[in-house]
Amino acid sequence: MEFFSIASGSSGNCVCIGAKAGKFLVDAGISTKRILAGLQTQWIQGEDLRAVFVTHEHSDHIKGLPVLVKKYNIPVYATVETLRKIRESAQGASLPTQLLHPVCPGETLCFDCLKVKAFSVPHDAANPVAYTFCEDETKIAMATDLGYVDESVAKQLRDANLLYIESNYDRNMLLVGVYPYPLKQRILGEYGHLSNDDSATVVRSLLHERLKAVVLAHLSKENNYPELAYQTMENELREAWHYKSERPHLMVAKRDEPTELIRV
């Protein structure tokens, strides 16, 4: 399978996954123009997209969804509650109902030999989910926009060949930063986001010899630095990796431009 991030961060999120079954997006939180430009860096056209999977209804995950979906007649998959919130938005009200497909947390959808599983994550949205993608012996697991990782989430992330995981903030930067106290508490809370240290701890618990890549995602512009997130995870990997195979490739997903393509 193939993976690249088109945009990642509080200003917009969009990821592309390629499989034998086709090309798929997770979230569409940037403009259609930017999504198409990102796809074209890997010679992918809008017509090539088979589906969009939405994690939750916050604007940085659905901003470009209505235009993209209507332009290319792309099916959208999300929980019932998320779809309802999308339809309640100004642009989302015009989405054709036949393109909207509800998924339940724990449900696995099959696209030829590709299996896509939705699973619940703790975040302050209507009914948010994350996704895993499995084809043949390869697994891509995603976990962003969640306040903590419990055993139910960790179970879904295990045995992944690629982990796309939130590393939203540095705790010290957040605490001394300009955000108002209630917003700081929201981010730090159980339905907020993962810090650099949280992310490193989670990945350490998920290491196995077939893990090929770790991609750090959804970094805060105000409360983090890419170099800081990278170094926190790099230190953890260097200390904890004890397998004969090569250490996983580590990358930070960029806010405003696509990452390189990763094949796993």
Protein backbone atom coordinates (compact mmCIF):
# COMPACT_ATOMS: atom_id res chain seq x y z
CA MET A 1 0.00 0.00 0.00
CA GLU A 2 0.95 3.64 -0.42
CA PHE A 3 0.48 6.59 1.91
CA PHE A 4 1.04 10.32 1.85
CA SER A 5 -0.33 13.29 3.75
CA ILE A 6 -1.64 16.23 1.75
CA ALA A 7 -2.13 18.48 4.81
CA SER A 8 -1.99 17.95 8.55
CA GLY A 9 -2.65 20.36 11.39
CA SER A 10 -5.29 22.53 13.02
CA SER A 11 -5.73 24.47 9.76
CA GLY A 12 -6.70 21.41 7.75
CA ASN A 13 -6.22 17.65 7.39
CA CYS A 14 -6.25 15.33 4.39
CA VAL A 15 -4.48 12.00 3.81
CA CYS A 16 -4.37 9.78 0.74
CA ILE A 17 -4.04 6.00 0.84
CA GLY A 18 -3.40 3.93 -2.25
CA ALA A 19 -4.19 0.24 -2.49
CA LYS A 20 -4.93 -2.35 -5.15
CA ALA A 21 -8.57 -1.42 -4.57
CA GLY A 22 -7.96 2.21 -5.55
CA LYS A 23 -7.23 5.60 -4.01
CA PHE A 24 -8.93 6.76 -0.83
CA LEU A 25 -8.92 9.95 1.25
CA VAL A 26 -9.20 10.28 4.99
CA ASP A 27 -10.76 13.69 5.72
CA ALA A 28 -10.98 16.67 3.40
CA GLY A 29 -10.29 19.65 5.63
CA ILE A 30 -8.68 21.89 3.03
CA SER A 31 -9.97 23.39 -0.21
CA THR A 32 -10.68 21.17 -3.19
CA LYS A 33 -8.03 23.12 -5.11
CA ARG A 34 -5.38 22.21 -2.54
CA ILE A 35 -6.54 18.59 -2.36
CA LEU A 36 -6.29 18.21 -6.13
CA ALA A 37 -2.88 19.90 -6.21
CA GLY A 38 -1.68 17.52 -3.50
CA LEU A 39 -3.00 14.48 -5.35
CA GLN A 40 -1.31 15.59 -8.55
CA THR A 41 2.11 15.45 -6.87
CA GLN A 42 1.61 11.68 -7.08
CA TRP A 43 -0.11 11.74 -10.49
CA ILE A 44 -3.54 11.09 -8.97
CA GLN A 45 -6.66 12.77 -10.34
CA GLY A 46 -9.92 13.53 -8.58
CA GLU A 47 -11.62 10.94 -10.78
CA ASP A 48 -9.33 8.29 -9.27
CA LEU A 49 -10.78 8.64 -5.77
CA ARG A 50 -12.97 5.76 -4.71
CA ALA A 51 -14.17 7.09 -1.32
CA VAL A 52 -13.59 9.64 1.43
CA PHE A 53 -13.57 8.49 5.06
CA VAL A 54 -14.33 11.24 7.56
CA THR A 55 -13.13 11.03 11.17
CA HIS A 56 -15.37 13.75 12.64
CA GLU A 57 -17.18 16.96 11.81
CA HIS A 58 -14.72 19.67 12.91
CA SER A 59 -14.03 22.12 10.10
CA ASP A 60 -10.35 21.23 9.76
CA HIS A 61 -11.51 17.77 8.65
CA ILE A 62 -14.47 18.56 6.37
CA LYS A 63 -13.88 22.07 4.99
CA GLY A 64 -13.33 20.94 1.40
CA LEU A 65 -15.60 17.91 1.50
CA PRO A 66 -18.84 19.24 -0.09
CA VAL A 67 -17.19 20.72 -3.18
CA LEU A 68 -14.90 17.73 -3.73
CA VAL A 69 -17.64 15.16 -3.28
CA LYS A 70 -20.14 16.88 -5.57
CA LYS A 71 -17.52 17.60 -8.23
CA TYR A 72 -16.44 13.96 -8.53
CA ASN A 73 -19.47 12.09 -7.17
CA ILE A 74 -17.39 10.44 -4.43
CA PRO A 75 -18.99 8.31 -1.67
CA VAL A 76 -18.48 9.59 1.88
CA TYR A 77 -18.22 7.29 4.89
CA ALA A 78 -18.62 8.50 8.48
CA THR A 79 -20.69 7.78 11.58
CA VAL A 80 -24.37 8.70 11.55
CA GLU A 81 -23.74 11.52 14.00
CA THR A 82 -20.87 12.92 11.94
CA LEU A 83 -22.91 12.79 8.75
CA ARG A 84 -25.74 14.62 10.51
CA LYS A 85 -23.36 17.39 11.59
CA ILE A 86 -21.98 17.65 8.07
CA ARG A 87 -25.49 17.98 6.64
CA GLU A 88 -26.26 20.71 9.19
CA SER A 89 -23.37 22.83 7.94
CA ALA A 90 -24.04 25.47 5.29
CA GLN A 91 -22.33 23.70 2.40
CA GLY A 92 -22.99 20.16 3.59
CA ALA A 93 -26.76 20.60 3.32
CA SER A 94 -26.49 20.30 -0.45
CA LEU A 95 -24.65 16.97 -0.42
CA PRO A 96 -26.58 14.24 -2.26
CA THR A 97 -27.88 11.77 0.30
CA GLN A 98 -27.04 8.83 -1.94
CA LEU A 99 -23.34 9.62 -1.51
CA LEU A 100 -23.48 9.53 2.30
CA HIS A 101 -22.83 6.14 3.89
CA PRO A 102 -23.02 5.62 7.68
CA VAL A 103 -20.46 3.45 9.43
CA CYS A 104 -20.53 2.11 12.97
CA PRO A 105 -17.48 2.01 15.22
CA GLY A 106 -16.15 -1.53 15.06
CA GLU A 107 -17.51 -2.08 11.55
CA THR A 108 -15.23 -3.30 8.75
CA LEU A 109 -15.92 -2.20 5.17
CA CYS A 110 -14.58 -4.18 2.24
CA PHE A 111 -13.42 -2.67 -1.06
CA ASP A 112 -12.25 -5.65 -3.09
CA CYS A 113 -9.38 -7.02 -0.99
CA LEU A 114 -8.99 -3.84 1.09
CA LYS A 115 -10.56 -3.88 4.56
CA VAL A 116 -11.26 -0.53 6.24
CA LYS A 117 -12.19 -0.57 9.90
CA ALA A 118 -13.62 2.34 11.89
CA PHE A 119 -13.01 2.49 15.63
CA SER A 120 -14.02 4.94 18.34
CA VAL A 121 -11.60 7.53 19.72
CA PRO A 122 -12.07 9.94 22.65
CA HIS A 123 -12.49 13.45 21.26
CA ASP A 124 -14.97 16.29 21.70
CA ALA A 125 -17.03 15.58 18.62
CA ALA A 126 -20.38 13.92 17.95
CA ASN A 127 -19.14 10.35 17.41
CA PRO A 128 -15.54 10.46 16.18
CA VAL A 129 -13.64 7.52 14.75
CA ALA A 130 -10.24 6.67 13.37
CA TYR A 131 -9.48 4.07 10.72
CA THR A 132 -7.24 1.16 9.85
CA PHE A 133 -6.60 -0.04 6.31
CA CYS A 134 -5.57 -3.65 5.70
CA GLU A 135 -4.74 -5.27 2.40
CA ASP A 136 -3.04 -8.66 2.09
CA GLU A 137 -0.46 -8.65 4.93
CA THR A 138 -0.11 -4.87 5.14
CA LYS A 139 -1.77 -2.55 7.65
CA ILE A 140 -1.92 1.24 7.92
CA ALA A 141 -3.32 2.56 11.21
CA MET A 142 -4.36 6.13 11.96
CA ALA A 143 -4.99 7.84 15.29
CA THR A 144 -5.43 11.61 15.45
CA ASP A 145 -7.74 13.93 17.39
CA LEU A 146 -7.91 11.92 20.59
CA GLY A 147 -7.21 12.80 24.20
CA TYR A 148 -5.71 9.47 25.25
CA VAL A 149 -5.06 5.95 24.00
CA ASP A 150 -6.77 3.23 26.00
CA GLU A 151 -6.57 -0.50 25.41
CA SER A 152 -9.44 -0.50 22.90
CA VAL A 153 -7.63 2.04 20.72
CA ALA A 154 -4.23 0.40 21.18
CA LYS A 155 -5.72 -2.90 20.06
CA GLN A 156 -6.66 -1.38 16.71
CA LEU A 157 -3.20 0.16 16.22
CA ARG A 158 -1.21 -3.00 16.94
CA ASP A 159 0.72 -4.80 14.19
CA ALA A 160 0.57 -1.81 11.84
CA ASN A 161 3.26 -1.45 9.18
CA LEU A 162 2.66 2.30 9.17
CA LEU A 163 1.42 4.39 12.09
CA TYR A 164 -0.02 7.85 11.46
CA ILE A 165 -0.32 9.27 14.96
CA GLU A 166 -1.09 12.61 16.53
CA SER A 167 1.71 14.60 18.14
CA ASN A 168 -0.22 17.79 18.66
CA TYR A 169 1.57 19.83 21.31
CA ASP A 170 4.50 20.21 23.63
CA ARG A 171 3.11 20.38 27.14
CA ASN A 172 5.41 23.17 28.33
CA MET A 173 4.73 25.31 25.27
CA LEU A 174 0.99 24.89 25.77
CA LEU A 175 1.08 25.73 29.48
CA VAL A 176 3.08 28.96 29.06
CA GLY A 177 1.44 29.94 25.75
CA VAL A 178 -1.22 32.52 24.94
CA TYR A 179 -4.21 30.18 24.76
CA PRO A 180 -6.95 30.98 27.30
CA TYR A 181 -7.14 28.63 30.28
CA PRO A 182 -10.36 26.81 29.19
CA LEU A 183 -8.83 26.01 25.79
CA LYS A 184 -5.67 24.73 27.43
CA GLN A 185 -7.75 22.47 29.64
CA ARG A 186 -9.69 21.19 26.63
CA ILE A 187 -6.49 20.28 24.78
CA LEU A 188 -5.00 18.63 27.87
CA GLY A 189 -8.20 16.77 28.72
CA GLU A 190 -9.39 13.26 27.92
CA TYR A 191 -11.29 14.50 24.85
CA GLY A 192 -8.54 16.76 23.53
CA HIS A 193 -5.26 15.87 21.85
CA LEU A 194 -2.07 13.84 22.32
CA SER A 195 1.15 15.61 23.29
CA ASN A 196 4.59 14.76 21.91
CA ASP A 197 5.33 12.74 25.04
CA ASP A 198 1.96 10.96 24.87
CA SER A 199 2.58 10.01 21.27
CA ALA A 200 6.07 8.69 21.99
CA THR A 201 4.77 6.57 24.87
CA VAL A 202 2.02 5.11 22.71
CA VAL A 203 4.36 4.26 19.83
CA ARG A 204 6.85 2.65 22.21
CA SER A 205 4.10 0.27 23.36
CA LEU A 206 3.27 -0.62 19.75
CA LEU A 207 6.73 -1.36 18.39
CA HIS A 208 7.26 -4.60 16.49
CA GLU A 209 9.77 -5.76 13.92
CA ARG A 210 7.51 -5.20 10.89
CA LEU A 211 6.77 -1.54 11.69
CA LYS A 212 8.19 0.36 8.72
CA ALA A 213 7.13 3.98 9.24
CA VAL A 214 5.84 6.39 11.88
CA VAL A 215 4.26 9.64 10.69
CA LEU A 216 3.62 12.37 13.27
CA ALA A 217 0.42 14.27 12.57
CA HIS A 218 -1.83 17.18 13.51
CA LEU A 219 0.91 19.35 15.04
CA SER A 220 -0.23 22.60 16.62
CA LYS A 221 1.14 25.72 14.97
CA GLU A 222 1.16 27.61 18.25
CA ASN A 223 2.17 24.92 20.75
CA ASN A 224 4.68 22.75 18.94
CA TYR A 225 7.62 22.69 16.56
CA PRO A 226 8.13 19.95 13.95
CA GLU A 227 11.71 19.56 15.12
CA LEU A 228 10.58 19.11 18.73
CA ALA A 229 7.96 16.50 17.87
CA TYR A 230 10.45 14.67 15.67
CA GLN A 231 13.20 14.63 18.28
CA THR A 232 10.87 13.45 21.04
CA MET A 233 9.82 10.45 18.95
CA GLU A 234 13.32 9.84 17.61
CA ASN A 235 14.70 9.62 21.15
CA GLU A 236 12.00 7.09 22.04
CA LEU A 237 12.62 4.95 18.97
CA ARG A 238 16.38 4.99 19.43
CA GLU A 239 16.07 3.85 23.04
CA ALA A 240 13.31 1.27 22.59
CA TRP A 241 14.10 -0.36 19.23
CA HIS A 242 15.75 -3.72 19.82
CA TYR A 243 14.74 -5.67 16.73
CA LYS A 244 17.11 -6.89 14.02
CA SER A 245 15.13 -5.07 11.36
CA GLU A 246 15.84 -1.44 10.50
CA ARG A 247 14.25 1.20 12.70
CA PRO A 248 11.01 2.68 11.31
CA HIS A 249 11.25 5.65 9.00
CA LEU A 250 10.15 8.71 11.01
CA MET A 251 8.43 11.67 9.36
CA VAL A 252 6.45 14.75 10.42
CA ALA A 253 3.39 15.43 8.27
CA LYS A 254 3.52 19.00 6.98
CA ARG A 255 0.83 21.58 7.56
CA ASP A 256 0.72 23.18 4.14
CA GLU A 257 2.26 20.78 1.65
CA PRO A 258 2.23 17.08 0.80
CA THR A 259 4.73 14.67 2.30
CA GLU A 260 6.73 12.19 0.31
CA LEU A 261 5.07 8.95 -0.68
CA ILE A 262 5.64 6.00 1.64
CA ARG A 263 5.23 2.43 0.40
CA VAL A 264 4.67 -0.33 2.95
